[in-house]
Structure formats: structure tokens, C-alpha cells
Amino acid sequence: EMLDALSCQLQAWGCDVQTASSLSETRMALADNIHIPDLVITDFYLANQETAHDIIAAVHVDSGPVPILVLSAEGIGDEDKARWPANTCLLRKPAKADILMGMMTKAMGD
């Protein structure tokens, strides 16, 4: 549900969106890409004990240091944040559309 809502909001802003709900789906989406993603948005906690760490590692192996926006309804510990690359931002959810847009811009360094 959250993935669909986020996808709709991003498409309304004119973003080209690919969705994935797991590490394996993320790898398949990356394999289908013609261009390196401008930004990857991921929840911190995923199904099957996967986390944003798994997504970030897969993206960086495939595409290099792509900016990442991590979403979470729960607090993320400093130890977890310390493992993230420099171009990673955290957004607590739920978040309003203008806050999401601001964090996307921040993550992409614009």
C-alpha cells in the first residue's frame, strides 16, 4: 500500500518510477535499467529480514554511489546510520509530500 502511494506521488511529480519490494526484485529492476537511477528510495525494514543495508549494497554494486533516501516509521540507531554512504538521507514516515520532495532534493545534492 505504501509502495503504491509513494509510486503514484512520484509519478505525479513526473518521476520515472520502478518499484521493488525486496532485494531480489531490486536486483531485477537494476538489471532492467538502461540508465543509473538518480535516486533510490527504500524502507529501512523490509520483508524476510532484509534492510536498507541490503538494498544500498546491491545498488552500489550495480550502479555505483547512487543517492539513497531511507524511509522508516521507527527510529534508526546510530550504528546503522554509520554504515550508510555519505549520500544517504533518512526520512521518518509518515511525511507530507513537500517534506518528501525536500528530502529527495537533499539526497540528490540539488
PDB file of N, CA and C in Angstrom:
ATOM      1  N   GLU A   1       0.821  -1.191   0.000  1.00  0.00           N
ATOM      2  CA  GLU A   1       0.000   0.000   0.000  1.00  0.00           C
ATOM      3  C   GLU A   1       0.870   1.262   0.000  1.00  0.00           C
ATOM      4  N   MET A   2       1.841   1.284   0.901  1.00  0.00           N
ATOM      5  CA  MET A   2       2.756   2.425   0.990  1.00  0.00           C
ATOM      6  C   MET A   2       3.548   2.574  -0.308  1.00  0.00           C
ATOM      7  N   LEU A   3       3.997   1.464  -0.855  1.00  0.00           N
ATOM      8  CA  LEU A   3       4.772   1.482  -2.097  1.00  0.00           C
ATOM      9  C   LEU A   3       3.937   2.059  -3.236  1.00  0.00           C
ATOM     10  N   ASP A   4       2.679   1.661  -3.324  1.00  0.00           N
ATOM     11  CA  ASP A   4       1.796   2.170  -4.377  1.00  0.00           C
ATOM     12  C   ASP A   4       1.546   3.663  -4.216  1.00  0.00           C
ATOM     13  N   ALA A   5       1.308   4.111  -2.989  1.00  0.00           N
ATOM     14  CA  ALA A   5       1.056   5.532  -2.735  1.00  0.00           C
ATOM     15  C   ALA A   5       2.280   6.372  -3.075  1.00  0.00           C
ATOM     16  N   LEU A   6       3.445   5.907  -2.673  1.00  0.00           N
ATOM     17  CA  LEU A   6       4.682   6.629  -2.972  1.00  0.00           C
ATOM     18  C   LEU A   6       4.927   6.673  -4.470  1.00  0.00           C
ATOM     19  N   SER A   7       4.728   5.552  -5.134  1.00  0.00           N
ATOM     20  CA  SER A   7       4.906   5.483  -6.581  1.00  0.00           C
ATOM     21  C   SER A   7       3.984   6.462  -7.296  1.00  0.00           C
ATOM     22  N   CYS A   8       2.718   6.517  -6.887  1.00  0.00           N
ATOM     23  CA  CYS A   8       1.756   7.446  -7.502  1.00  0.00           C
ATOM     24  C   CYS A   8       2.183   8.898  -7.299  1.00  0.00           C
ATOM     25  N   GLN A   9       2.643   9.230  -6.079  1.00  0.00           N
ATOM     26  CA  GLN A   9       3.082  10.604  -5.799  1.00  0.00           C
ATOM     27  C   GLN A   9       4.282  10.970  -6.672  1.00  0.00           C
ATOM     28  N   LEU A  10       5.245  10.076  -6.773  1.00  0.00           N
ATOM     29  CA  LEU A  10       6.437  10.350  -7.576  1.00  0.00           C
ATOM     30  C   LEU A  10       6.087  10.492  -9.052  1.00  0.00           C
ATOM     31  N   GLN A  11       5.209   9.656  -9.554  1.00  0.00           N
ATOM     32  CA  GLN A  11       4.785   9.757 -10.955  1.00  0.00           C
ATOM     33  C   GLN A  11       4.027  11.057 -11.202  1.00  0.00           C
ATOM     34  N   ALA A  12       3.254  11.499 -10.235  1.00  0.00           N
ATOM     35  CA  ALA A  12       2.544  12.773 -10.364  1.00  0.00           C
ATOM     36  C   ALA A  12       3.527  13.934 -10.477  1.00  0.00           C
ATOM     37  N   TRP A  13       4.711  13.790  -9.900  1.00  0.00           N
ATOM     38  CA  TRP A  13       5.759  14.809  -9.993  1.00  0.00           C
ATOM     39  C   TRP A  13       6.586  14.653 -11.262  1.00  0.00           C
ATOM     40  N   GLY A  14       6.269  13.661 -12.077  1.00  0.00           N
ATOM     41  CA  GLY A  14       6.992  13.459 -13.327  1.00  0.00           C
ATOM     42  C   GLY A  14       8.187  12.531 -13.234  1.00  0.00           C
ATOM     43  N   CYS A  15       8.314  11.829 -12.126  1.00  0.00           N
ATOM     44  CA  CYS A  15       9.435  10.886 -11.960  1.00  0.00           C
ATOM     45  C   CYS A  15       9.158   9.595 -12.723  1.00  0.00           C
ATOM     46  N   ASP A  16      10.209   9.021 -13.281  1.00  0.00           N
ATOM     47  CA  ASP A  16      10.146   7.688 -13.872  1.00  0.00           C
ATOM     48  C   ASP A  16      10.413   6.721 -12.725  1.00  0.00           C
ATOM     49  N   VAL A  17       9.439   5.879 -12.401  1.00  0.00           N
ATOM     50  CA  VAL A  17       9.491   5.062 -11.190  1.00  0.00           C
ATOM     51  C   VAL A  17       9.547   3.579 -11.522  1.00  0.00           C
ATOM     52  N   GLN A  18      10.445   2.881 -10.864  1.00  0.00           N
ATOM     53  CA  GLN A  18      10.465   1.425 -10.858  1.00  0.00           C
ATOM     54  C   GLN A  18      10.241   1.009  -9.418  1.00  0.00           C
ATOM     55  N   THR A  19       9.386   0.021  -9.196  1.00  0.00           N
ATOM     56  CA  THR A  19       9.134  -0.410  -7.832  1.00  0.00           C
ATOM     57  C   THR A  19       9.682  -1.807  -7.598  1.00  0.00           C
ATOM     58  N   ALA A  20      10.056  -2.039  -6.354  1.00  0.00           N
ATOM     59  CA  ALA A  20      10.544  -3.345  -5.918  1.00  0.00           C
ATOM     60  C   ALA A  20      10.235  -3.448  -4.430  1.00  0.00           C
ATOM     61  N   SER A  21       9.864  -4.616  -3.992  1.00  0.00           N
ATOM     62  CA  SER A  21       9.525  -4.773  -2.578  1.00  0.00           C
ATOM     63  C   SER A  21      10.466  -5.731  -1.847  1.00  0.00           C
ATOM     64  N   SER A  22      11.563  -6.094  -2.498  1.00  0.00           N
ATOM     65  CA  SER A  22      12.534  -6.994  -1.867  1.00  0.00           C
ATOM     66  C   SER A  22      13.898  -6.814  -2.529  1.00  0.00           C
ATOM     67  N   LEU A  23      14.889  -7.419  -1.948  1.00  0.00           N
ATOM     68  CA  LEU A  23      16.228  -7.368  -2.520  1.00  0.00           C
ATOM     69  C   LEU A  23      16.257  -8.022  -3.896  1.00  0.00           C
ATOM     70  N   SER A  24      15.607  -9.168  -4.043  1.00  0.00           N
ATOM     71  CA  SER A  24      15.624  -9.855  -5.352  1.00  0.00           C
ATOM     72  C   SER A  24      14.906  -9.023  -6.413  1.00  0.00           C
ATOM     73  N   GLU A  25      13.793  -8.381  -6.058  1.00  0.00           N
ATOM     74  CA  GLU A  25      13.099  -7.517  -7.017  1.00  0.00           C
ATOM     75  C   GLU A  25      13.938  -6.292  -7.359  1.00  0.00           C
ATOM     76  N   THR A  26      14.675  -5.785  -6.383  1.00  0.00           N
ATOM     77  CA  THR A  26      15.559  -4.641  -6.628  1.00  0.00           C
ATOM     78  C   THR A  26      16.645  -5.028  -7.621  1.00  0.00           C
ATOM     79  N   ARG A  27      17.230  -6.181  -7.429  1.00  0.00           N
ATOM     80  CA  ARG A  27      18.265  -6.644  -8.363  1.00  0.00           C
ATOM     81  C   ARG A  27      17.714  -6.805  -9.779  1.00  0.00           C
ATOM     82  N   MET A  28      16.494  -7.327  -9.894  1.00  0.00           N
ATOM     83  CA  MET A  28      15.873  -7.474 -11.224  1.00  0.00           C
ATOM     84  C   MET A  28      15.610  -6.109 -11.850  1.00  0.00           C
ATOM     85  N   ALA A  29      15.136  -5.155 -11.057  1.00  0.00           N
ATOM     86  CA  ALA A  29      14.875  -3.810 -11.577  1.00  0.00           C
ATOM     87  C   ALA A  29      16.174  -3.155 -12.040  1.00  0.00           C
ATOM     88  N   LEU A  30      17.228  -3.312 -11.266  1.00  0.00           N
ATOM     89  CA  LEU A  30      18.518  -2.742 -11.645  1.00  0.00           C
ATOM     90  C   LEU A  30      19.031  -3.372 -12.942  1.00  0.00           C
ATOM     91  N   ALA A  31      18.832  -4.667 -13.093  1.00  0.00           N
ATOM     92  CA  ALA A  31      19.284  -5.358 -14.307  1.00  0.00           C
ATOM     93  C   ALA A  31      18.536  -4.860 -15.538  1.00  0.00           C
ATOM     94  N   ASP A  32      17.290  -4.402 -15.355  1.00  0.00           N
ATOM     95  CA  ASP A  32      16.478  -3.904 -16.467  1.00  0.00           C
ATOM     96  C   ASP A  32      16.774  -2.451 -16.826  1.00  0.00           C
ATOM     97  N   ASN A  33      17.491  -1.743 -15.955  1.00  0.00           N
ATOM     98  CA  ASN A  33      17.756  -0.320 -16.176  1.00  0.00           C
ATOM     99  C   ASN A  33      18.692  -0.092 -17.350  1.00  0.00           C
ATOM    100  N   ILE A  34      18.380   0.945 -18.104  1.00  0.00           N
ATOM    101  CA  ILE A  34      19.278   1.409 -19.162  1.00  0.00           C
ATOM    102  C   ILE A  34      20.205   2.483 -18.589  1.00  0.00           C
ATOM    103  N   HIS A  35      19.675   3.263 -17.645  1.00  0.00           N
ATOM    104  CA  HIS A  35      20.429   4.353 -17.018  1.00  0.00           C
ATOM    105  C   HIS A  35      20.572   4.088 -15.520  1.00  0.00           C
ATOM    106  N   ILE A  36      21.593   4.656 -14.925  1.00  0.00           N
ATOM    107  CA  ILE A  36      21.768   4.592 -13.477  1.00  0.00           C
ATOM    108  C   ILE A  36      20.660   5.411 -12.825  1.00  0.00           C
ATOM    109  N   PRO A  37      20.047   4.904 -11.765  1.00  0.00           N
ATOM    110  CA  PRO A  37      18.986   5.673 -11.093  1.00  0.00           C
ATOM    111  C   PRO A  37      19.517   6.994 -10.541  1.00  0.00           C
ATOM    112  N   ASP A  38      18.671   8.017 -10.590  1.00  0.00           N
ATOM    113  CA  ASP A  38      19.026   9.304  -9.986  1.00  0.00           C
ATOM    114  C   ASP A  38      18.930   9.235  -8.466  1.00  0.00           C
ATOM    115  N   LEU A  39      18.018   8.380  -7.984  1.00  0.00           N
ATOM    116  CA  LEU A  39      17.758   8.261  -6.551  1.00  0.00           C
ATOM    117  C   LEU A  39      17.090   6.924  -6.294  1.00  0.00           C
ATOM    118  N   VAL A  40      17.442   6.293  -5.184  1.00  0.00           N
ATOM    119  CA  VAL A  40      16.756   5.085  -4.724  1.00  0.00           C
ATOM    120  C   VAL A  40      16.099   5.418  -3.394  1.00  0.00           C
ATOM    121  N   ILE A  41      14.815   5.106  -3.297  1.00  0.00           N
ATOM    122  CA  ILE A  41      14.068   5.292  -2.064  1.00  0.00           C
ATOM    123  C   ILE A  41      13.722   3.904  -1.542  1.00  0.00           C
ATOM    124  N   THR A  42      14.058   3.649  -0.286  1.00  0.00           N
ATOM    125  CA  THR A  42      13.796   2.342   0.308  1.00  0.00           C
ATOM    126  C   THR A  42      13.342   2.484   1.753  1.00  0.00           C
ATOM    127  N   ASP A  43      12.466   1.594   2.159  1.00  0.00           N
ATOM    128  CA  ASP A  43      12.178   1.476   3.587  1.00  0.00           C
ATOM    129  C   ASP A  43      13.408   0.899   4.261  1.00  0.00           C
ATOM    130  N   PHE A  44      13.565   1.175   5.551  1.00  0.00           N
ATOM    131  CA  PHE A  44      14.687   0.578   6.249  1.00  0.00           C
ATOM    132  C   PHE A  44      14.440  -0.903   6.481  1.00  0.00           C
ATOM    133  N   TYR A  45      13.264  -1.234   7.015  1.00  0.00           N
ATOM    134  CA  TYR A  45      12.932  -2.628   7.296  1.00  0.00           C
ATOM    135  C   TYR A  45      12.078  -3.191   6.182  1.00  0.00           C
ATOM    136  N   LEU A  46      12.540  -4.276   5.583  1.00  0.00           N
ATOM    137  CA  LEU A  46      11.825  -4.954   4.514  1.00  0.00           C
ATOM    138  C   LEU A  46      11.436  -6.355   4.987  1.00  0.00           C
ATOM    139  N   ALA A  47      10.739  -7.084   4.149  1.00  0.00           N
ATOM    140  CA  ALA A  47      10.349  -8.457   4.481  1.00  0.00           C
ATOM    141  C   ALA A  47      11.586  -9.362   4.503  1.00  0.00           C
ATOM    142  N   ASN A  48      11.420 -10.541   5.021  1.00  0.00           N
ATOM    143  CA  ASN A  48      12.467 -11.571   5.025  1.00  0.00           C
ATOM    144  C   ASN A  48      13.758 -11.116   5.707  1.00  0.00           C
ATOM    145  N   GLN A  49      13.639 -10.272   6.712  1.00  0.00           N
ATOM    146  CA  GLN A  49      14.774  -9.748   7.477  1.00  0.00           C
ATOM    147  C   GLN A  49      15.757  -8.953   6.628  1.00  0.00           C
ATOM    148  N   GLU A  50      15.314  -8.461   5.497  1.00  0.00           N
ATOM    149  CA  GLU A  50      16.142  -7.580   4.667  1.00  0.00           C
ATOM    150  C   GLU A  50      15.993  -6.153   5.189  1.00  0.00           C
ATOM    151  N   THR A  51      17.038  -5.371   4.981  1.00  0.00           N
ATOM    152  CA  THR A  51      17.003  -3.964   5.400  1.00  0.00           C
ATOM    153  C   THR A  51      17.544  -3.078   4.284  1.00  0.00           C
ATOM    154  N   ALA A  52      17.516  -1.794   4.549  1.00  0.00           N
ATOM    155  CA  ALA A  52      18.078  -0.831   3.604  1.00  0.00           C
ATOM    156  C   ALA A  52      19.550  -1.120   3.324  1.00  0.00           C
ATOM    157  N   HIS A  53      20.270  -1.684   4.298  1.00  0.00           N
ATOM    158  CA  HIS A  53      21.677  -2.029   4.073  1.00  0.00           C
ATOM    159  C   HIS A  53      21.819  -2.968   2.873  1.00  0.00           C
ATOM    160  N   ASP A  54      20.909  -3.937   2.766  1.00  0.00           N
ATOM    161  CA  ASP A  54      20.954  -4.887   1.650  1.00  0.00           C
ATOM    162  C   ASP A  54      20.679  -4.186   0.321  1.00  0.00           C
ATOM    163  N   ILE A  55      19.702  -3.288   0.317  1.00  0.00           N
ATOM    164  CA  ILE A  55      19.348  -2.561  -0.904  1.00  0.00           C
ATOM    165  C   ILE A  55      20.494  -1.648  -1.322  1.00  0.00           C
ATOM    166  N   ILE A  56      21.043  -0.915  -0.372  1.00  0.00           N
ATOM    167  CA  ILE A  56      22.144   0.007  -0.661  1.00  0.00           C
ATOM    168  C   ILE A  56      23.335  -0.753  -1.251  1.00  0.00           C
ATOM    169  N   ALA A  57      23.680  -1.876  -0.653  1.00  0.00           N
ATOM    170  CA  ALA A  57      24.811  -2.667  -1.160  1.00  0.00           C
ATOM    171  C   ALA A  57      24.552  -3.134  -2.588  1.00  0.00           C
ATOM    172  N   ALA A  58      23.354  -3.629  -2.875  1.00  0.00           N
ATOM    173  CA  ALA A  58      23.031  -4.110  -4.229  1.00  0.00           C
ATOM    174  C   ALA A  58      23.077  -2.975  -5.241  1.00  0.00           C
ATOM    175  N   VAL A  59      22.529  -1.833  -4.874  1.00  0.00           N
ATOM    176  CA  VAL A  59      22.518  -0.679  -5.780  1.00  0.00           C
ATOM    177  C   VAL A  59      23.944  -0.225  -6.061  1.00  0.00           C
ATOM    178  N   HIS A  60      24.767  -0.151  -5.028  1.00  0.00           N
ATOM    179  CA  HIS A  60      26.132   0.338  -5.221  1.00  0.00           C
ATOM    180  C   HIS A  60      26.985  -0.638  -6.025  1.00  0.00           C
ATOM    181  N   VAL A  61      26.751  -1.931  -5.870  1.00  0.00           N
ATOM    182  CA  VAL A  61      27.472  -2.912  -6.693  1.00  0.00           C
ATOM    183  C   VAL A  61      27.068  -2.755  -8.156  1.00  0.00           C
ATOM    184  N   ASP A  62      25.776  -2.561  -8.406  1.00  0.00           N
ATOM    185  CA  ASP A  62      25.269  -2.467  -9.776  1.00  0.00           C
ATOM    186  C   ASP A  62      25.536  -1.103 -10.415  1.00  0.00           C
ATOM    187  N   SER A  63      25.312  -0.036  -9.658  1.00  0.00           N
ATOM    188  CA  SER A  63      25.243   1.303 -10.258  1.00  0.00           C
ATOM    189  C   SER A  63      26.212   2.322  -9.686  1.00  0.00           C
ATOM    190  N   GLY A  64      26.985   1.955  -8.693  1.00  0.00           N
ATOM    191  CA  GLY A  64      27.869   2.928  -8.067  1.00  0.00           C
ATOM    192  C   GLY A  64      27.160   3.707  -6.979  1.00  0.00           C
ATOM    193  N   PRO A  65      27.739   4.829  -6.565  1.00  0.00           N
ATOM    194  CA  PRO A  65      27.217   5.584  -5.425  1.00  0.00           C
ATOM    195  C   PRO A  65      25.968   6.414  -5.748  1.00  0.00           C
ATOM    196  N   VAL A  66      24.852   5.740  -5.914  1.00  0.00           N
ATOM    197  CA  VAL A  66      23.573   6.396  -6.182  1.00  0.00           C
ATOM    198  C   VAL A  66      23.040   7.001  -4.875  1.00  0.00           C
ATOM    199  N   PRO A  67      22.491   8.210  -4.923  1.00  0.00           N
ATOM    200  CA  PRO A  67      21.878   8.774  -3.715  1.00  0.00           C
ATOM    201  C   PRO A  67      20.730   7.883  -3.224  1.00  0.00           C
ATOM    202  N   ILE A  68      20.613   7.787  -1.907  1.00  0.00           N
ATOM    203  CA  ILE A  68      19.620   6.918  -1.280  1.00  0.00           C
ATOM    204  C   ILE A  68      18.794   7.741  -0.292  1.00  0.00           C
ATOM    205  N   LEU A  69      17.490   7.505  -0.288  1.00  0.00           N
ATOM    206  CA  LEU A  69      16.593   8.067   0.719  1.00  0.00           C
ATOM    207  C   LEU A  69      15.964   6.884   1.444  1.00  0.00           C
ATOM    208  N   VAL A  70      16.248   6.771   2.729  1.00  0.00           N
ATOM    209  CA  VAL A  70      15.721   5.688   3.550  1.00  0.00           C
ATOM    210  C   VAL A  70      14.505   6.208   4.300  1.00  0.00           C
ATOM    211  N   LEU A  71      13.409   5.454   4.221  1.00  0.00           N
ATOM    212  CA  LEU A  71      12.175   5.790   4.929  1.00  0.00           C
ATOM    213  C   LEU A  71      12.014   4.834   6.104  1.00  0.00           C
ATOM    214  N   SER A  72      11.547   5.342   7.225  1.00  0.00           N
ATOM    215  CA  SER A  72      11.285   4.467   8.362  1.00  0.00           C
ATOM    216  C   SER A  72      10.290   5.114   9.314  1.00  0.00           C
ATOM    217  N   ALA A  73       9.367   4.308   9.805  1.00  0.00           N
ATOM    218  CA  ALA A  73       8.437   4.757  10.830  1.00  0.00           C
ATOM    219  C   ALA A  73       9.061   4.590  12.215  1.00  0.00           C
ATOM    220  N   GLU A  74      10.133   3.836  12.285  1.00  0.00           N
ATOM    221  CA  GLU A  74      10.824   3.566  13.545  1.00  0.00           C
ATOM    222  C   GLU A  74      12.159   4.291  13.576  1.00  0.00           C
ATOM    223  N   GLY A  75      12.663   4.508  14.764  1.00  0.00           N
ATOM    224  CA  GLY A  75      13.979   5.115  14.893  1.00  0.00           C
ATOM    225  C   GLY A  75      15.065   4.188  14.362  1.00  0.00           C
ATOM    226  N   ILE A  76      16.086   4.771  13.798  1.00  0.00           N
ATOM    227  CA  ILE A  76      17.221   4.013  13.277  1.00  0.00           C
ATOM    228  C   ILE A  76      18.430   4.366  14.139  1.00  0.00           C
ATOM    229  N   GLY A  77      19.104   3.357  14.642  1.00  0.00           N
ATOM    230  CA  GLY A  77      20.247   3.567  15.530  1.00  0.00           C
ATOM    231  C   GLY A  77      21.443   4.186  14.830  1.00  0.00           C
ATOM    232  N   ASP A  78      22.281   4.829  15.616  1.00  0.00           N
ATOM    233  CA  ASP A  78      23.488   5.465  15.080  1.00  0.00           C
ATOM    234  C   ASP A  78      24.418   4.454  14.418  1.00  0.00           C
ATOM    235  N   GLU A  79      24.466   3.229  14.945  1.00  0.00           N
ATOM    236  CA  GLU A  79      25.319   2.192  14.366  1.00  0.00           C
ATOM    237  C   GLU A  79      24.873   1.869  12.935  1.00  0.00           C
ATOM    238  N   ASP A  80      23.550   1.783  12.724  1.00  0.00           N
ATOM    239  CA  ASP A  80      23.040   1.535  11.375  1.00  0.00           C
ATOM    240  C   ASP A  80      23.318   2.716  10.461  1.00  0.00           C
ATOM    241  N   LYS A  81      23.077   3.924  10.935  1.00  0.00           N
ATOM    242  CA  LYS A  81      23.315   5.122  10.119  1.00  0.00           C
ATOM    243  C   LYS A  81      24.785   5.256   9.739  1.00  0.00           C
ATOM    244  N   ALA A  82      25.672   4.847  10.634  1.00  0.00           N
ATOM    245  CA  ALA A  82      27.109   4.954  10.370  1.00  0.00           C
ATOM    246  C   ALA A  82      27.540   4.060   9.205  1.00  0.00           C
ATOM    247  N   ARG A  83      26.771   3.041   8.893  1.00  0.00           N
ATOM    248  CA  ARG A  83      27.101   2.133   7.788  1.00  0.00           C
ATOM    249  C   ARG A  83      26.674   2.691   6.430  1.00  0.00           C
ATOM    250  N   TRP A  84      25.879   3.748   6.426  1.00  0.00           N
ATOM    251  CA  TRP A  84      25.365   4.295   5.168  1.00  0.00           C
ATOM    252  C   TRP A  84      26.404   5.164   4.469  1.00  0.00           C
ATOM    253  N   PRO A  85      26.385   5.155   3.134  1.00  0.00           N
ATOM    254  CA  PRO A  85      27.256   6.071   2.389  1.00  0.00           C
ATOM    255  C   PRO A  85      26.856   7.528   2.662  1.00  0.00           C
ATOM    256  N   ALA A  86      27.754   8.430   2.341  1.00  0.00           N
ATOM    257  CA  ALA A  86      27.542   9.849   2.622  1.00  0.00           C
ATOM    258  C   ALA A  86      26.294  10.419   1.941  1.00  0.00           C
ATOM    259  N   ASN A  87      25.930   9.895   0.788  1.00  0.00           N
ATOM    260  CA  ASN A  87      24.789  10.459   0.051  1.00  0.00           C
ATOM    261  C   ASN A  87      23.482   9.754   0.413  1.00  0.00           C
ATOM    262  N   THR A  88      23.333   9.373   1.690  1.00  0.00           N
ATOM    263  CA  THR A  88      22.127   8.714   2.181  1.00  0.00           C
ATOM    264  C   THR A  88      21.423   9.628   3.171  1.00  0.00           C
ATOM    265  N   CYS A  89      20.118   9.799   2.974  1.00  0.00           N
ATOM    266  CA  CYS A  89      19.298  10.612   3.872  1.00  0.00           C
ATOM    267  C   CYS A  89      18.215   9.740   4.502  1.00  0.00           C
ATOM    268  N   LEU A  90      17.754  10.134   5.672  1.00  0.00           N
ATOM    269  CA  LEU A  90      16.707   9.416   6.382  1.00  0.00           C
ATOM    270  C   LEU A  90      15.483  10.308   6.513  1.00  0.00           C
ATOM    271  N   LEU A  91      14.314   9.757   6.235  1.00  0.00           N
ATOM    272  CA  LEU A  91      13.050  10.461   6.391  1.00  0.00           C
ATOM    273  C   LEU A  91      12.119   9.595   7.217  1.00  0.00           C
ATOM    274  N   ARG A  92      11.651  10.149   8.320  1.00  0.00           N
ATOM    275  CA  ARG A  92      10.676   9.440   9.154  1.00  0.00           C
ATOM    276  C   ARG A  92       9.320   9.521   8.484  1.00  0.00           C
ATOM    277  N   LYS A  93       8.601   8.405   8.460  1.00  0.00           N
ATOM    278  CA  LYS A  93       7.267   8.397   7.886  1.00  0.00           C
ATOM    279  C   LYS A  93       6.238   8.235   8.993  1.00  0.00           C
ATOM    280  N   PRO A  94       5.052   8.734   8.774  1.00  0.00           N
ATOM    281  CA  PRO A  94       4.599   9.345   7.520  1.00  0.00           C
ATOM    282  C   PRO A  94       5.169  10.752   7.362  1.00  0.00           C
ATOM    283  N   ALA A  95       5.295  11.172   6.130  1.00  0.00           N
ATOM    284  CA  ALA A  95       5.805  12.507   5.828  1.00  0.00           C
ATOM    285  C   ALA A  95       4.926  13.141   4.754  1.00  0.00           C
ATOM    286  N   LYS A  96       4.739  14.421   4.857  1.00  0.00           N
ATOM    287  CA  LYS A  96       3.957  15.146   3.861  1.00  0.00           C
ATOM    288  C   LYS A  96       4.743  15.245   2.560  1.00  0.00           C
ATOM    289  N   ALA A  97       4.027  15.463   1.478  1.00  0.00           N
ATOM    290  CA  ALA A  97       4.624  15.495   0.143  1.00  0.00           C
ATOM    291  C   ALA A  97       5.745  16.527   0.037  1.00  0.00           C
ATOM    292  N   ASP A  98       5.569  17.709   0.609  1.00  0.00           N
ATOM    293  CA  ASP A  98       6.602  18.741   0.482  1.00  0.00           C
ATOM    294  C   ASP A  98       7.877  18.346   1.233  1.00  0.00           C
ATOM    295  N   ILE A  99       7.722  17.639   2.348  1.00  0.00           N
ATOM    296  CA  ILE A  99       8.891  17.164   3.096  1.00  0.00           C
ATOM    297  C   ILE A  99       9.606  16.080   2.287  1.00  0.00           C
ATOM    298  N   LEU A 100       8.836  15.172   1.685  1.00  0.00           N
ATOM    299  CA  LEU A 100       9.417  14.135   0.833  1.00  0.00           C
ATOM    300  C   LEU A 100      10.207  14.766  -0.308  1.00  0.00           C
ATOM    301  N   MET A 101       9.632  15.734  -0.977  1.00  0.00           N
ATOM    302  CA  MET A 101      10.315  16.397  -2.095  1.00  0.00           C
ATOM    303  C   MET A 101      11.598  17.063  -1.609  1.00  0.00           C
ATOM    304  N   GLY A 102      11.557  17.716  -0.465  1.00  0.00           N
ATOM    305  CA  GLY A 102      12.752  18.360   0.080  1.00  0.00           C
ATOM    306  C   GLY A 102      13.857  17.372   0.395  1.00  0.00           C
ATOM    307  N   MET A 103      13.493  16.222   0.944  1.00  0.00           N
ATOM    308  CA  MET A 103      14.496  15.209   1.268  1.00  0.00           C
ATOM    309  C   MET A 103      15.058  14.545   0.018  1.00  0.00           C
ATOM    310  N   MET A 104      14.222  14.381  -0.999  1.00  0.00           N
ATOM    311  CA  MET A 104      14.712  13.844  -2.272  1.00  0.00           C
ATOM    312  C   MET A 104      15.743  14.801  -2.867  1.00  0.00           C
ATOM    313  N   THR A 105      15.438  16.080  -2.834  1.00  0.00           N
ATOM    314  CA  THR A 105      16.342  17.099  -3.363  1.00  0.00           C
ATOM    315  C   THR A 105      17.655  17.102  -2.581  1.00  0.00           C
ATOM    316  N   LYS A 106      17.550  17.016  -1.256  1.00  0.00           N
ATOM    317  CA  LYS A 106      18.737  16.984  -0.402  1.00  0.00           C
ATOM    318  C   LYS A 106      19.601  15.756  -0.725  1.00  0.00           C
ATOM    319  N   ALA A 107      18.974  14.604  -0.840  1.00  0.00           N
ATOM    320  CA  ALA A 107      19.715  13.363  -1.108  1.00  0.00           C
ATOM    321  C   ALA A 107      20.465  13.436  -2.441  1.00  0.00           C
ATOM    322  N   MET A 108      19.835  14.079  -3.426  1.00  0.00           N
ATOM    323  CA  MET A 108      20.464  14.178  -4.764  1.00  0.00           C
ATOM    324  C   MET A 108      21.452  15.325  -4.850  1.00  0.00           C
ATOM    325  N   GLY A 109      21.571  16.094  -3.763  1.00  0.00           N
ATOM    326  CA  GLY A 109      22.557  17.160  -3.717  1.00  0.00           C
ATOM    327  C   GLY A 109      22.198  18.379  -4.518  1.00  0.00           C
ATOM    328  N   ASP A 110      20.918  18.548  -4.797  1.00  0.00           N
ATOM    329  CA  ASP A 110      20.478  19.733  -5.572  1.00  0.00           C
ATOM    330  C   ASP A 110      20.151  20.887  -4.667  1.00  0.00           C
TER     331      ASP A 110
END
